Structure formats: structure tokens, C-alpha cells
Amino acid sequence: MLNTNYLLIAARKPKGITKNISLNPSQGFTIVELLIVIVVIAILAAISIVAYNGIQTRAKNATIEQAVGTYRKALIAYGTEKGSYPVTAYTCLGSGNDYSSGSCYAGAVRSEFETSMKGVISTLPSPNTDCYEGWGGCRKNFTLVVNNGWMVDGSPHVHYILYFIGGGANCTLGSLEGSYGNFLTTTSRGYMERRGSESMCIIPLPDSF
């Protein structure tokens, strides 16, 4: 049988406790707590934006180099078949719509190039139309270079494809090594010139067939 006197004693309110404890959820956060939450969210957002931009730049660079590789194969196929390249001067690779005036690096859009190349490749890859500002104004991808003065990979070449990538990345096409102006490229670094976070890359083409 339960001792009712014991239960009555246990149920009594302890002396000295006059304030009721409230668990009212409507009290909310303090200003300091809200500021901490806002700062944490801002930091996470900044980290996410930087990571996203890095991923986006790497993806764009990969697309650029894939397009350059396609152009290189098409140019070699054309030269093998015809015995020479379709043009004999600096030429913007792509269509006229891909370049604004003067944005192709030291070259020009040549309709005969586009027409000739469609004999060996049905669709010409479109260049990245972002501006690369490190070389005297807005420069865009890609250029077929015809120049006797560039020494790379230990030997002189006349024909190259020149292109740009961003994010401080190294060029991954070809194994270039040699000097050009005040810049030095090696097989480990893989780029021709770098200015700021932009890289100007070149990849040699065969000079004869």
C-alpha cells in the first residue's frame, strides 16, 4: 500500500521557489545570435561562389582546348589532302559572327578559310567569345598563326594555333619548350605566355606535307 503522506510531501512546492519557468518559444533569437547566423551564411555563400567560378572556368578551358584539338586535326587533314593549308596569313578560326572587330589576335576572319574547312569538317567549333584583356584589348579564341619568328619545342615553326584560357591554368595541348620574348615556356608549365590569371597558348602544326 502506498504511503500517501510521502506523496503529499513530494508534491509540495519547495520553499523559496516563487518564479515559474517559462518555455515560451516566441521569445526568438537575440540580435547577436542573428548577426552570427548572417555572418556564417555570408561566408558559406562566398565559398560556394568561388568554388562555382573555379569549376566554371575549368569547364570552359576544357571546352576551349577540345575545340582547338578539333581544329588541329581538321587542319592537318586538309593539309594532308591538299598539300597546304587553306590560308597563308593570320586567320581567326571560326565564323565572322564569333569575333568583334579586332578581337582576334593579330588576325582576320577569312570566309575562304571557313568554306575550305567545311570540306573536311561539317561543323566548325565555335570559339570562346570571352575577352582576354592581357594582350592589348579584347582578345578572343582562336587564331591560325603564320609566322617564321617563333621558336618553340626546340625547333622553328611557321604554323601554329594560338588560343587563350583563364583561371591561371596551364596549357595542356602539345609539349612546348623554348623562349618567346621575355616569357619562357616549359613542358611542365605548358603555357606560352601568362599575364595575370590569363594564359596565351600555342600549339604547333606541321609545316609541310
N, C-alpha and C. Protein backbone atom coordinates (compact mmCIF):
# COMPACT_ATOMS: atom_id res chain seq x y z
N MET A 1 0.84 -1.19 0.00
CA MET A 1 0.00 0.00 0.00
C MET A 1 0.87 1.24 0.00
N LEU A 2 0.55 2.24 -0.87
CA LEU A 2 1.37 3.43 -0.99
C LEU A 2 1.21 4.31 0.23
N ASN A 3 2.32 4.95 0.60
CA ASN A 3 2.33 5.88 1.72
C ASN A 3 1.87 7.23 1.20
N THR A 4 0.60 7.60 1.47
CA THR A 4 0.04 8.84 0.95
C THR A 4 0.70 10.06 1.55
N ASN A 5 1.18 9.96 2.79
CA ASN A 5 1.87 11.10 3.40
C ASN A 5 3.14 11.45 2.63
N TYR A 6 3.85 10.39 2.17
CA TYR A 6 5.08 10.62 1.40
C TYR A 6 4.78 11.33 0.08
N LEU A 7 3.69 10.92 -0.60
CA LEU A 7 3.33 11.54 -1.86
C LEU A 7 2.94 12.99 -1.70
N LEU A 8 2.25 13.29 -0.60
CA LEU A 8 1.85 14.67 -0.33
C LEU A 8 3.05 15.55 -0.09
N ILE A 9 4.04 15.03 0.61
CA ILE A 9 5.24 15.80 0.91
C ILE A 9 6.02 16.05 -0.38
N ALA A 10 6.15 15.02 -1.26
CA ALA A 10 6.90 15.14 -2.50
C ALA A 10 6.26 16.10 -3.47
N ALA A 11 4.93 16.20 -3.37
CA ALA A 11 4.21 17.06 -4.30
C ALA A 11 4.23 18.51 -3.90
N ARG A 12 4.60 18.77 -2.63
CA ARG A 12 4.63 20.16 -2.19
C ARG A 12 5.71 20.95 -2.93
N LYS A 13 5.41 22.22 -3.18
CA LYS A 13 6.35 23.10 -3.86
C LYS A 13 7.47 23.47 -2.93
N PRO A 14 8.73 23.28 -3.35
CA PRO A 14 9.85 23.63 -2.47
C PRO A 14 9.80 25.10 -2.09
N LYS A 15 10.17 25.35 -0.83
CA LYS A 15 10.20 26.73 -0.36
C LYS A 15 11.26 27.54 -1.08
N GLY A 16 11.02 28.81 -1.31
CA GLY A 16 11.99 29.72 -1.92
C GLY A 16 11.88 29.81 -3.41
N ILE A 17 11.09 28.95 -4.04
CA ILE A 17 10.91 29.00 -5.49
C ILE A 17 9.59 29.64 -5.79
N THR A 18 9.65 30.88 -6.21
CA THR A 18 8.42 31.64 -6.48
C THR A 18 8.25 31.96 -7.96
N LYS A 19 9.35 31.83 -8.78
CA LYS A 19 9.29 32.18 -10.19
C LYS A 19 9.02 30.95 -11.05
N ASN A 20 8.01 31.05 -11.89
CA ASN A 20 7.70 29.95 -12.80
C ASN A 20 8.66 29.95 -13.98
N ILE A 21 9.12 28.77 -14.43
CA ILE A 21 9.99 28.63 -15.59
C ILE A 21 9.12 28.59 -16.84
N SER A 22 9.40 29.49 -17.75
CA SER A 22 8.62 29.57 -18.99
C SER A 22 9.42 29.02 -20.15
N LEU A 23 8.82 28.16 -20.93
CA LEU A 23 9.44 27.62 -22.15
C LEU A 23 8.74 28.18 -23.37
N ASN A 24 8.48 29.47 -23.35
CA ASN A 24 7.75 30.11 -24.44
C ASN A 24 8.65 30.26 -25.67
N PRO A 25 8.37 29.54 -26.78
CA PRO A 25 9.23 29.62 -27.96
C PRO A 25 9.14 30.94 -28.70
N SER A 26 8.20 31.78 -28.37
CA SER A 26 8.02 33.04 -29.09
C SER A 26 9.06 34.09 -28.72
N GLN A 27 9.96 33.79 -27.78
CA GLN A 27 10.98 34.75 -27.40
C GLN A 27 11.98 35.01 -28.54
N GLY A 28 12.22 34.02 -29.45
CA GLY A 28 13.07 34.19 -30.63
C GLY A 28 14.55 34.33 -30.32
N PHE A 29 15.34 34.74 -31.39
CA PHE A 29 16.79 34.91 -31.26
C PHE A 29 17.11 36.32 -30.80
N THR A 30 18.25 36.44 -30.19
CA THR A 30 18.75 37.77 -29.87
C THR A 30 19.41 38.36 -31.11
N ILE A 31 19.69 39.66 -31.09
CA ILE A 31 20.33 40.33 -32.23
C ILE A 31 21.71 39.74 -32.48
N VAL A 32 22.44 39.44 -31.42
CA VAL A 32 23.78 38.86 -31.57
C VAL A 32 23.71 37.51 -32.26
N GLU A 33 22.74 36.70 -31.87
CA GLU A 33 22.59 35.38 -32.50
C GLU A 33 22.24 35.51 -33.97
N LEU A 34 21.36 36.47 -34.29
CA LEU A 34 21.00 36.69 -35.69
C LEU A 34 22.19 37.15 -36.52
N LEU A 35 23.02 38.04 -35.94
CA LEU A 35 24.21 38.51 -36.65
C LEU A 35 25.18 37.36 -36.91
N ILE A 36 25.34 36.48 -35.95
CA ILE A 36 26.24 35.33 -36.12
C ILE A 36 25.74 34.45 -37.27
N VAL A 37 24.44 34.20 -37.30
CA VAL A 37 23.86 33.37 -38.37
C VAL A 37 24.07 34.02 -39.73
N ILE A 38 23.85 35.35 -39.81
CA ILE A 38 24.03 36.06 -41.07
C ILE A 38 25.47 35.99 -41.55
N VAL A 39 26.42 36.17 -40.63
CA VAL A 39 27.84 36.12 -40.99
C VAL A 39 28.21 34.73 -41.50
N VAL A 40 27.74 33.69 -40.83
CA VAL A 40 28.05 32.31 -41.25
C VAL A 40 27.48 32.03 -42.64
N ILE A 41 26.23 32.48 -42.88
CA ILE A 41 25.62 32.28 -44.20
C ILE A 41 26.41 33.02 -45.28
N ALA A 42 26.86 34.24 -44.97
CA ALA A 42 27.63 35.03 -45.95
C ALA A 42 28.95 34.35 -46.29
N ILE A 43 29.62 33.79 -45.27
CA ILE A 43 30.89 33.09 -45.51
C ILE A 43 30.67 31.87 -46.39
N LEU A 44 29.64 31.08 -46.08
CA LEU A 44 29.34 29.88 -46.87
C LEU A 44 28.99 30.25 -48.31
N ALA A 45 28.23 31.36 -48.47
CA ALA A 45 27.86 31.80 -49.82
C ALA A 45 29.09 32.21 -50.61
N ALA A 46 30.01 32.93 -49.97
CA ALA A 46 31.24 33.37 -50.66
C ALA A 46 32.08 32.17 -51.09
N ILE A 47 32.20 31.18 -50.21
CA ILE A 47 32.96 29.97 -50.54
C ILE A 47 32.32 29.25 -51.72
N SER A 48 31.00 29.17 -51.71
CA SER A 48 30.28 28.48 -52.79
C SER A 48 30.47 29.19 -54.13
N ILE A 49 30.44 30.53 -54.11
CA ILE A 49 30.60 31.30 -55.35
C ILE A 49 32.00 31.11 -55.93
N VAL A 50 33.03 31.15 -55.05
CA VAL A 50 34.41 30.95 -55.51
C VAL A 50 34.57 29.56 -56.11
N ALA A 51 34.03 28.55 -55.42
CA ALA A 51 34.13 27.18 -55.92
C ALA A 51 33.41 27.02 -57.25
N TYR A 52 32.24 27.63 -57.37
CA TYR A 52 31.47 27.53 -58.62
C TYR A 52 32.21 28.20 -59.77
N ASN A 53 32.76 29.39 -59.50
CA ASN A 53 33.51 30.09 -60.55
C ASN A 53 34.72 29.28 -61.01
N GLY A 54 35.41 28.64 -60.06
CA GLY A 54 36.55 27.81 -60.42
C GLY A 54 36.15 26.63 -61.28
N ILE A 55 35.06 25.98 -60.94
CA ILE A 55 34.56 24.85 -61.73
C ILE A 55 34.15 25.32 -63.12
N GLN A 56 33.49 26.48 -63.17
CA GLN A 56 33.04 27.02 -64.45
C GLN A 56 34.22 27.36 -65.36
N THR A 57 35.28 27.95 -64.78
CA THR A 57 36.46 28.30 -65.56
C THR A 57 37.15 27.06 -66.09
N ARG A 58 37.30 26.04 -65.24
CA ARG A 58 37.94 24.80 -65.69
C ARG A 58 37.14 24.13 -66.81
N ALA A 59 35.83 24.14 -66.68
CA ALA A 59 34.99 23.55 -67.72
C ALA A 59 35.13 24.32 -69.03
N LYS A 60 35.20 25.66 -68.94
CA LYS A 60 35.35 26.48 -70.14
C LYS A 60 36.71 26.23 -70.79
N ASN A 61 37.76 26.14 -69.98
CA ASN A 61 39.09 25.85 -70.52
C ASN A 61 39.13 24.51 -71.23
N ALA A 62 38.47 23.52 -70.63
CA ALA A 62 38.45 22.19 -71.25
C ALA A 62 37.72 22.23 -72.59
N THR A 63 36.64 23.00 -72.66
CA THR A 63 35.90 23.14 -73.92
C THR A 63 36.75 23.82 -74.98
N ILE A 64 37.50 24.85 -74.56
CA ILE A 64 38.38 25.57 -75.49
C ILE A 64 39.43 24.63 -76.06
N GLU A 65 40.10 23.88 -75.20
CA GLU A 65 41.18 23.01 -75.68
C GLU A 65 40.64 21.85 -76.50
N GLN A 66 39.44 21.41 -76.20
CA GLN A 66 38.82 20.38 -77.04
C GLN A 66 38.56 20.92 -78.44
N ALA A 67 38.06 22.16 -78.52
CA ALA A 67 37.81 22.78 -79.82
C ALA A 67 39.12 22.99 -80.59
N VAL A 68 40.18 23.42 -79.88
CA VAL A 68 41.48 23.61 -80.53
C VAL A 68 41.99 22.28 -81.09
N GLY A 69 41.83 21.22 -80.32
CA GLY A 69 42.24 19.90 -80.79
C GLY A 69 41.49 19.49 -82.04
N THR A 70 40.21 19.82 -82.09
CA THR A 70 39.40 19.51 -83.28
C THR A 70 39.89 20.31 -84.49
N TYR A 71 40.17 21.60 -84.28
CA TYR A 71 40.70 22.43 -85.37
C TYR A 71 42.04 21.89 -85.86
N ARG A 72 42.88 21.49 -84.94
CA ARG A 72 44.21 20.99 -85.32
C ARG A 72 44.08 19.74 -86.20
N LYS A 73 43.23 18.81 -85.80
CA LYS A 73 43.03 17.60 -86.59
C LYS A 73 42.47 17.94 -87.97
N ALA A 74 41.52 18.88 -88.02
CA ALA A 74 40.91 19.26 -89.30
C ALA A 74 41.93 19.93 -90.21
N LEU A 75 42.77 20.80 -89.64
CA LEU A 75 43.79 21.48 -90.45
C LEU A 75 44.81 20.49 -90.99
N ILE A 76 45.21 19.53 -90.18
CA ILE A 76 46.17 18.51 -90.63
C ILE A 76 45.53 17.65 -91.72
N ALA A 77 44.25 17.31 -91.54
CA ALA A 77 43.55 16.51 -92.56
C ALA A 77 43.47 17.28 -93.87
N TYR A 78 43.18 18.57 -93.79
CA TYR A 78 43.10 19.40 -95.01
C TYR A 78 44.47 19.49 -95.67
N GLY A 79 45.52 19.75 -94.88
CA GLY A 79 46.85 19.86 -95.44
C GLY A 79 47.33 18.56 -96.05
N THR A 80 46.98 17.44 -95.42
CA THR A 80 47.37 16.13 -95.96
C THR A 80 46.71 15.88 -97.31
N GLU A 81 45.46 16.30 -97.42
CA GLU A 81 44.72 16.08 -98.66
C GLU A 81 45.12 17.07 -99.76
N LYS A 82 45.30 18.34 -99.40
CA LYS A 82 45.53 19.39 -100.40
C LYS A 82 47.01 19.76 -100.58
N GLY A 83 47.84 19.37 -99.63
CA GLY A 83 49.26 19.69 -99.72
C GLY A 83 49.63 21.01 -99.10
N SER A 84 48.66 21.79 -98.59
CA SER A 84 48.94 23.07 -97.94
C SER A 84 47.71 23.46 -97.12
N TYR A 85 47.86 24.50 -96.33
CA TYR A 85 46.73 24.97 -95.52
C TYR A 85 45.82 25.86 -96.36
N PRO A 86 44.57 26.07 -95.92
CA PRO A 86 43.63 26.83 -96.75
C PRO A 86 43.93 28.31 -96.84
N VAL A 87 44.74 28.85 -95.93
CA VAL A 87 45.11 30.27 -95.97
C VAL A 87 46.60 30.40 -95.69
N THR A 88 47.17 31.54 -96.04
CA THR A 88 48.60 31.76 -95.85
C THR A 88 48.88 32.97 -94.96
N ALA A 89 47.87 33.43 -94.21
CA ALA A 89 48.05 34.59 -93.32
C ALA A 89 47.30 34.34 -92.02
N TYR A 90 47.58 35.17 -91.02
CA TYR A 90 46.88 35.07 -89.74
C TYR A 90 45.37 35.04 -89.98
N THR A 91 44.69 34.08 -89.36
CA THR A 91 43.26 33.90 -89.62
C THR A 91 42.53 33.55 -88.33
N CYS A 92 41.40 34.21 -88.11
CA CYS A 92 40.54 33.85 -86.98
C CYS A 92 39.85 32.52 -87.29
N LEU A 93 39.92 31.60 -86.36
CA LEU A 93 39.28 30.30 -86.56
C LEU A 93 37.85 30.37 -86.04
N GLY A 94 36.92 30.10 -86.92
CA GLY A 94 35.51 30.24 -86.59
C GLY A 94 34.84 31.06 -87.66
N SER A 95 33.63 31.49 -87.38
CA SER A 95 32.90 32.31 -88.34
C SER A 95 32.99 33.79 -87.95
N GLY A 96 32.57 34.65 -88.87
CA GLY A 96 32.64 36.08 -88.60
C GLY A 96 31.81 36.51 -87.42
N ASN A 97 30.75 35.77 -87.12
CA ASN A 97 29.88 36.12 -86.00
C ASN A 97 30.55 35.88 -84.65
N ASP A 98 31.64 35.13 -84.63
CA ASP A 98 32.29 34.80 -83.37
C ASP A 98 33.21 35.89 -82.87
N TYR A 99 33.52 36.87 -83.70
CA TYR A 99 34.51 37.88 -83.33
C TYR A 99 33.98 39.28 -83.58
N SER A 100 34.25 40.15 -82.62
CA SER A 100 34.01 41.57 -82.86
C SER A 100 35.24 42.14 -83.56
N SER A 101 35.16 43.36 -84.02
CA SER A 101 36.24 43.95 -84.79
C SER A 101 37.54 44.01 -83.99
N GLY A 102 38.60 43.43 -84.55
CA GLY A 102 39.91 43.48 -83.92
C GLY A 102 40.12 42.56 -82.74
N SER A 103 39.13 41.72 -82.42
CA SER A 103 39.27 40.91 -81.21
C SER A 103 40.05 39.62 -81.43
N CYS A 104 40.17 39.18 -82.68
CA CYS A 104 41.01 38.02 -82.97
C CYS A 104 42.47 38.45 -82.89
N TYR A 105 43.31 37.66 -82.27
CA TYR A 105 44.68 38.07 -82.01
C TYR A 105 45.47 38.22 -83.31
N ALA A 106 45.69 39.45 -83.75
CA ALA A 106 46.51 39.78 -84.92
C ALA A 106 46.04 39.08 -86.18
N GLY A 107 44.77 38.74 -86.24
CA GLY A 107 44.28 38.04 -87.41
C GLY A 107 43.00 38.65 -87.94
N ALA A 108 42.41 38.01 -88.92
CA ALA A 108 41.17 38.49 -89.51
C ALA A 108 40.28 37.28 -89.83
N VAL A 109 38.99 37.52 -89.88
CA VAL A 109 38.06 36.47 -90.29
C VAL A 109 38.12 36.35 -91.81
N ARG A 110 38.38 35.15 -92.29
CA ARG A 110 38.52 34.94 -93.74
C ARG A 110 37.49 33.90 -94.18
N SER A 111 36.59 34.34 -95.03
CA SER A 111 35.50 33.48 -95.47
C SER A 111 36.01 32.26 -96.23
N GLU A 112 37.14 32.43 -96.96
CA GLU A 112 37.67 31.30 -97.71
C GLU A 112 38.14 30.18 -96.80
N PHE A 113 38.61 30.55 -95.59
CA PHE A 113 39.03 29.53 -94.63
C PHE A 113 37.83 28.69 -94.21
N GLU A 114 36.76 29.36 -93.83
CA GLU A 114 35.56 28.65 -93.38
C GLU A 114 35.02 27.75 -94.48
N THR A 115 34.97 28.27 -95.70
CA THR A 115 34.46 27.48 -96.83
C THR A 115 35.34 26.26 -97.10
N SER A 116 36.65 26.46 -97.09
CA SER A 116 37.58 25.36 -97.36
C SER A 116 37.51 24.29 -96.28
N MET A 117 37.44 24.71 -95.02
CA MET A 117 37.48 23.75 -93.92
C MET A 117 36.23 22.89 -93.87
N LYS A 118 35.12 23.40 -94.38
CA LYS A 118 33.89 22.61 -94.35
C LYS A 118 33.97 21.41 -95.27
N GLY A 119 35.03 21.34 -96.06
CA GLY A 119 35.25 20.15 -96.87
C GLY A 119 35.77 18.98 -96.05
N VAL A 120 36.35 19.26 -94.90
CA VAL A 120 36.90 18.18 -94.07
C VAL A 120 36.21 18.08 -92.71
N ILE A 121 35.43 19.10 -92.33
CA ILE A 121 34.71 19.06 -91.06
C ILE A 121 33.36 19.74 -91.26
N SER A 122 32.30 19.06 -90.92
CA SER A 122 30.96 19.58 -91.23
C SER A 122 30.60 20.81 -90.41
N THR A 123 31.00 20.82 -89.13
CA THR A 123 30.67 21.95 -88.25
C THR A 123 31.94 22.45 -87.58
N LEU A 124 32.26 23.71 -87.81
CA LEU A 124 33.45 24.29 -87.18
C LEU A 124 33.15 24.58 -85.71
N PRO A 125 34.05 24.21 -84.80
CA PRO A 125 33.83 24.52 -83.39
C PRO A 125 33.78 26.03 -83.17
N SER A 126 32.88 26.46 -82.32
CA SER A 126 32.79 27.89 -82.01
C SER A 126 33.80 28.25 -80.93
N PRO A 127 34.52 29.35 -81.10
CA PRO A 127 35.48 29.75 -80.08
C PRO A 127 34.79 30.35 -78.88
N ASN A 128 35.49 30.35 -77.75
CA ASN A 128 35.00 31.06 -76.58
C ASN A 128 35.07 32.56 -76.90
N THR A 129 33.96 33.27 -76.74
CA THR A 129 33.92 34.68 -77.12
C THR A 129 34.15 35.62 -75.95
N ASP A 130 34.63 35.09 -74.82
CA ASP A 130 35.02 35.97 -73.71
C ASP A 130 36.24 36.79 -74.12
N CYS A 131 36.39 37.97 -73.54
CA CYS A 131 37.55 38.81 -73.81
C CYS A 131 38.69 38.47 -72.85
N TYR A 132 39.90 38.35 -73.39
CA TYR A 132 41.11 38.21 -72.59
C TYR A 132 41.90 39.50 -72.77
N GLU A 133 42.04 40.25 -71.69
CA GLU A 133 42.49 41.64 -71.77
C GLU A 133 44.01 41.82 -71.66
N GLY A 134 44.76 40.76 -71.39
CA GLY A 134 46.18 40.90 -71.09
C GLY A 134 47.06 41.22 -72.29
N TRP A 135 46.51 41.23 -73.48
CA TRP A 135 47.33 41.42 -74.68
C TRP A 135 46.84 42.60 -75.51
N GLY A 136 46.60 43.70 -74.87
CA GLY A 136 46.27 44.93 -75.60
C GLY A 136 44.85 44.97 -76.11
N GLY A 137 43.89 44.90 -75.24
CA GLY A 137 42.49 44.97 -75.66
C GLY A 137 41.83 43.62 -75.61
N CYS A 138 40.62 43.56 -76.10
CA CYS A 138 39.83 42.33 -76.07
C CYS A 138 40.37 41.33 -77.10
N ARG A 139 40.86 40.19 -76.61
CA ARG A 139 41.33 39.12 -77.49
C ARG A 139 40.48 37.88 -77.27
N LYS A 140 40.14 37.21 -78.36
CA LYS A 140 39.30 36.03 -78.27
C LYS A 140 39.97 34.84 -78.95
N ASN A 141 39.46 33.64 -78.66
CA ASN A 141 39.95 32.43 -79.31
C ASN A 141 39.32 32.32 -80.69
N PHE A 142 39.93 31.68 -81.64
CA PHE A 142 41.27 31.12 -81.78
C PHE A 142 41.91 31.75 -83.00
N THR A 143 43.23 31.66 -83.17
CA THR A 143 43.90 32.22 -84.35
C THR A 143 44.84 31.20 -84.97
N LEU A 144 44.75 31.06 -86.29
CA LEU A 144 45.76 30.32 -87.04
C LEU A 144 46.90 31.29 -87.32
N VAL A 145 48.06 31.02 -86.77
CA VAL A 145 49.21 31.91 -86.89
C VAL A 145 50.14 31.41 -87.98
N VAL A 146 50.59 32.32 -88.84
CA VAL A 146 51.60 32.00 -89.85
C VAL A 146 52.76 32.96 -89.61
N ASN A 147 53.84 32.43 -89.03
CA ASN A 147 54.93 33.30 -88.58
C ASN A 147 56.23 32.51 -88.56
N ASN A 148 57.29 33.07 -89.14
CA ASN A 148 58.59 32.39 -89.16
C ASN A 148 59.43 32.65 -87.92
N GLY A 149 58.98 33.57 -87.04
CA GLY A 149 59.84 34.01 -85.95
C GLY A 149 59.67 33.30 -84.63
N TRP A 150 58.76 32.39 -84.51
CA TRP A 150 58.51 31.76 -83.21
C TRP A 150 59.25 30.44 -83.11
N MET A 151 60.08 30.34 -82.09
CA MET A 151 60.82 29.12 -81.82
C MET A 151 60.22 28.44 -80.60
N VAL A 152 59.66 27.28 -80.79
CA VAL A 152 59.13 26.51 -79.66
C VAL A 152 59.54 25.06 -79.83
N ASP A 153 59.43 24.33 -78.78
CA ASP A 153 59.81 22.91 -78.67
C ASP A 153 61.13 22.61 -79.36
N GLY A 154 62.06 23.57 -79.29
CA GLY A 154 63.41 23.33 -79.79
C GLY A 154 63.63 23.50 -81.27
N SER A 155 62.58 23.85 -82.02
CA SER A 155 62.75 23.98 -83.46
C SER A 155 61.81 25.07 -83.99
N PRO A 156 62.16 25.68 -85.13
CA PRO A 156 61.30 26.74 -85.68
C PRO A 156 60.05 26.16 -86.33
N HIS A 157 58.97 26.89 -86.21
CA HIS A 157 57.72 26.52 -86.88
C HIS A 157 57.14 27.73 -87.57
N VAL A 158 56.34 27.48 -88.58
CA VAL A 158 55.68 28.56 -89.30
C VAL A 158 54.20 28.62 -88.92
N HIS A 159 53.59 27.48 -88.69
CA HIS A 159 52.15 27.42 -88.46
C HIS A 159 51.84 26.98 -87.03
N TYR A 160 50.94 27.73 -86.39
CA TYR A 160 50.51 27.42 -85.03
C TYR A 160 49.02 27.72 -84.90
N ILE A 161 48.43 27.16 -83.86
CA ILE A 161 47.13 27.64 -83.40
C ILE A 161 47.38 28.34 -82.07
N LEU A 162 46.90 29.56 -81.96
CA LEU A 162 47.03 30.36 -80.75
C LEU A 162 45.65 30.46 -80.10
N TYR A 163 45.61 30.27 -78.78
CA TYR A 163 44.32 30.38 -78.08
C TYR A 163 44.56 30.86 -76.64
N PHE A 164 43.48 31.21 -75.97
CA PHE A 164 43.56 31.75 -74.62
C PHE A 164 42.72 30.92 -73.65
N ILE A 165 43.22 30.79 -72.42
CA ILE A 165 42.46 30.18 -71.34
C ILE A 165 42.61 31.04 -70.09
N GLY A 166 41.72 30.85 -69.11
CA GLY A 166 41.71 31.69 -67.93
C GLY A 166 41.98 30.91 -66.66
N GLY A 167 41.86 31.62 -65.54
CA GLY A 167 41.99 30.99 -64.23
C GLY A 167 43.42 30.64 -63.85
N GLY A 168 44.41 31.20 -64.54
CA GLY A 168 45.80 30.87 -64.23
C GLY A 168 46.18 29.45 -64.60
N ALA A 169 45.42 28.85 -65.50
CA ALA A 169 45.65 27.45 -65.88
C ALA A 169 46.82 27.31 -66.84
N ASN A 170 47.41 26.13 -66.84
CA ASN A 170 48.45 25.79 -67.82
C ASN A 170 47.82 25.26 -69.10
N CYS A 171 48.47 25.51 -70.22
CA CYS A 171 48.03 24.93 -71.48
C CYS A 171 48.37 23.43 -71.45
N THR A 172 47.47 22.61 -71.93
CA THR A 172 47.71 21.16 -71.86
C THR A 172 47.91 20.53 -73.23
N LEU A 173 47.74 21.29 -74.31
CA LEU A 173 47.91 20.71 -75.64
C LEU A 173 49.37 20.83 -76.08
N GLY A 174 49.92 19.74 -76.52
CA GLY A 174 51.29 19.77 -77.03
C GLY A 174 52.32 19.83 -75.91
N SER A 175 53.57 19.74 -76.26
CA SER A 175 54.69 19.83 -75.32
C SER A 175 55.63 20.92 -75.81
N LEU A 176 55.35 22.14 -75.44
CA LEU A 176 56.12 23.27 -75.95
C LEU A 176 57.26 23.60 -75.00
N GLU A 177 58.39 23.91 -75.56
CA GLU A 177 59.51 24.34 -74.74
C GLU A 177 60.39 25.27 -75.56
N GLY A 178 60.73 26.42 -75.02
CA GLY A 178 61.56 27.37 -75.73
C GLY A 178 61.29 28.77 -75.23
N SER A 179 61.81 29.76 -75.90
CA SER A 179 61.63 31.14 -75.45
C SER A 179 60.89 31.95 -76.50
N TYR A 180 60.16 32.93 -76.00
CA TYR A 180 59.47 33.86 -76.89
C TYR A 180 59.41 35.19 -76.16
N GLY A 181 60.08 36.20 -76.66
CA GLY A 181 60.13 37.48 -75.97
C GLY A 181 60.73 37.33 -74.59
N ASN A 182 60.05 37.87 -73.60
CA ASN A 182 60.52 37.78 -72.22
C ASN A 182 59.88 36.62 -71.46
N PHE A 183 59.17 35.77 -72.15
CA PHE A 183 58.46 34.68 -71.49
C PHE A 183 59.11 33.35 -71.83
N LEU A 184 59.01 32.43 -70.91
CA LEU A 184 59.60 31.11 -71.09
C LEU A 184 58.55 30.05 -70.86
N THR A 185 58.45 29.12 -71.74
CA THR A 185 57.53 28.01 -71.56
C THR A 185 58.31 26.71 -71.44
N THR A 186 57.84 25.82 -70.63
CA THR A 186 58.49 24.52 -70.46
C THR A 186 57.43 23.43 -70.58
N THR A 187 57.90 22.19 -70.71
CA THR A 187 56.96 21.09 -70.84
C THR A 187 56.16 20.89 -69.56
N SER A 188 56.72 21.29 -68.42
CA SER A 188 55.98 21.11 -67.17
C SER A 188 54.94 22.21 -66.97
N ARG A 189 55.27 23.45 -67.38
CA ARG A 189 54.31 24.54 -67.22
C ARG A 189 53.33 24.58 -68.38
N GLY A 190 53.80 24.28 -69.55
CA GLY A 190 52.92 24.08 -70.69
C GLY A 190 52.25 25.31 -71.27
N TYR A 191 52.59 26.50 -70.87
CA TYR A 191 51.96 27.67 -71.47
C TYR A 191 53.00 28.51 -72.20
N MET A 192 52.52 29.38 -73.08
CA MET A 192 53.45 30.21 -73.85
C MET A 192 53.68 31.54 -73.16
N GLU A 193 52.60 32.24 -72.82
CA GLU A 193 52.69 33.48 -72.08
C GLU A 193 51.58 33.51 -71.03
N ARG A 194 51.89 34.08 -69.89
CA ARG A 194 50.84 34.28 -68.88
C ARG A 194 50.90 35.70 -68.38
N ARG A 195 49.73 36.33 -68.37
CA ARG A 195 49.62 37.69 -67.85
C ARG A 195 48.44 37.72 -66.88
N GLY A 196 48.77 37.92 -65.61
CA GLY A 196 47.74 37.84 -64.59
C GLY A 196 47.20 36.43 -64.50
N SER A 197 45.90 36.28 -64.57
CA SER A 197 45.28 34.95 -64.49
C SER A 197 44.98 34.37 -65.86
N GLU A 198 45.46 35.04 -66.92
CA GLU A 198 45.18 34.59 -68.28
C GLU A 198 46.42 33.99 -68.92
N SER A 199 46.21 32.96 -69.71
CA SER A 199 47.31 32.29 -70.41
C SER A 199 47.06 32.32 -71.91
N MET A 200 48.10 32.69 -72.67
CA MET A 200 48.05 32.59 -74.12
C MET A 200 48.84 31.35 -74.51
N CYS A 201 48.17 30.43 -75.18
CA CYS A 201 48.77 29.15 -75.51
C CYS A 201 48.97 29.05 -77.02
N ILE A 202 50.01 28.31 -77.42
CA ILE A 202 50.17 28.00 -78.83
C ILE A 202 50.48 26.51 -78.98
N ILE A 203 50.04 25.97 -80.08
CA ILE A 203 50.34 24.56 -80.39
C ILE A 203 50.79 24.51 -81.84
N PRO A 204 51.97 23.96 -82.10
CA PRO A 204 52.49 23.94 -83.48
C PRO A 204 51.69 23.00 -84.40
N LEU A 205 51.71 23.34 -85.67
CA LEU A 205 51.15 22.50 -86.72
C LEU A 205 52.27 22.05 -87.64
N PRO A 206 52.09 20.96 -88.35
CA PRO A 206 53.11 20.57 -89.34
C PRO A 206 53.29 21.68 -90.38
N ASP A 207 54.52 21.91 -90.79
CA ASP A 207 54.80 22.98 -91.75
C ASP A 207 54.81 22.46 -93.19
N SER A 208 54.87 21.17 -93.37
CA SER A 208 54.90 20.62 -94.73
C SER A 208 54.19 19.29 -94.74
N PHE A 209 53.73 18.89 -95.94
CA PHE A 209 53.00 17.63 -96.09
C PHE A 209 53.57 16.83 -97.26
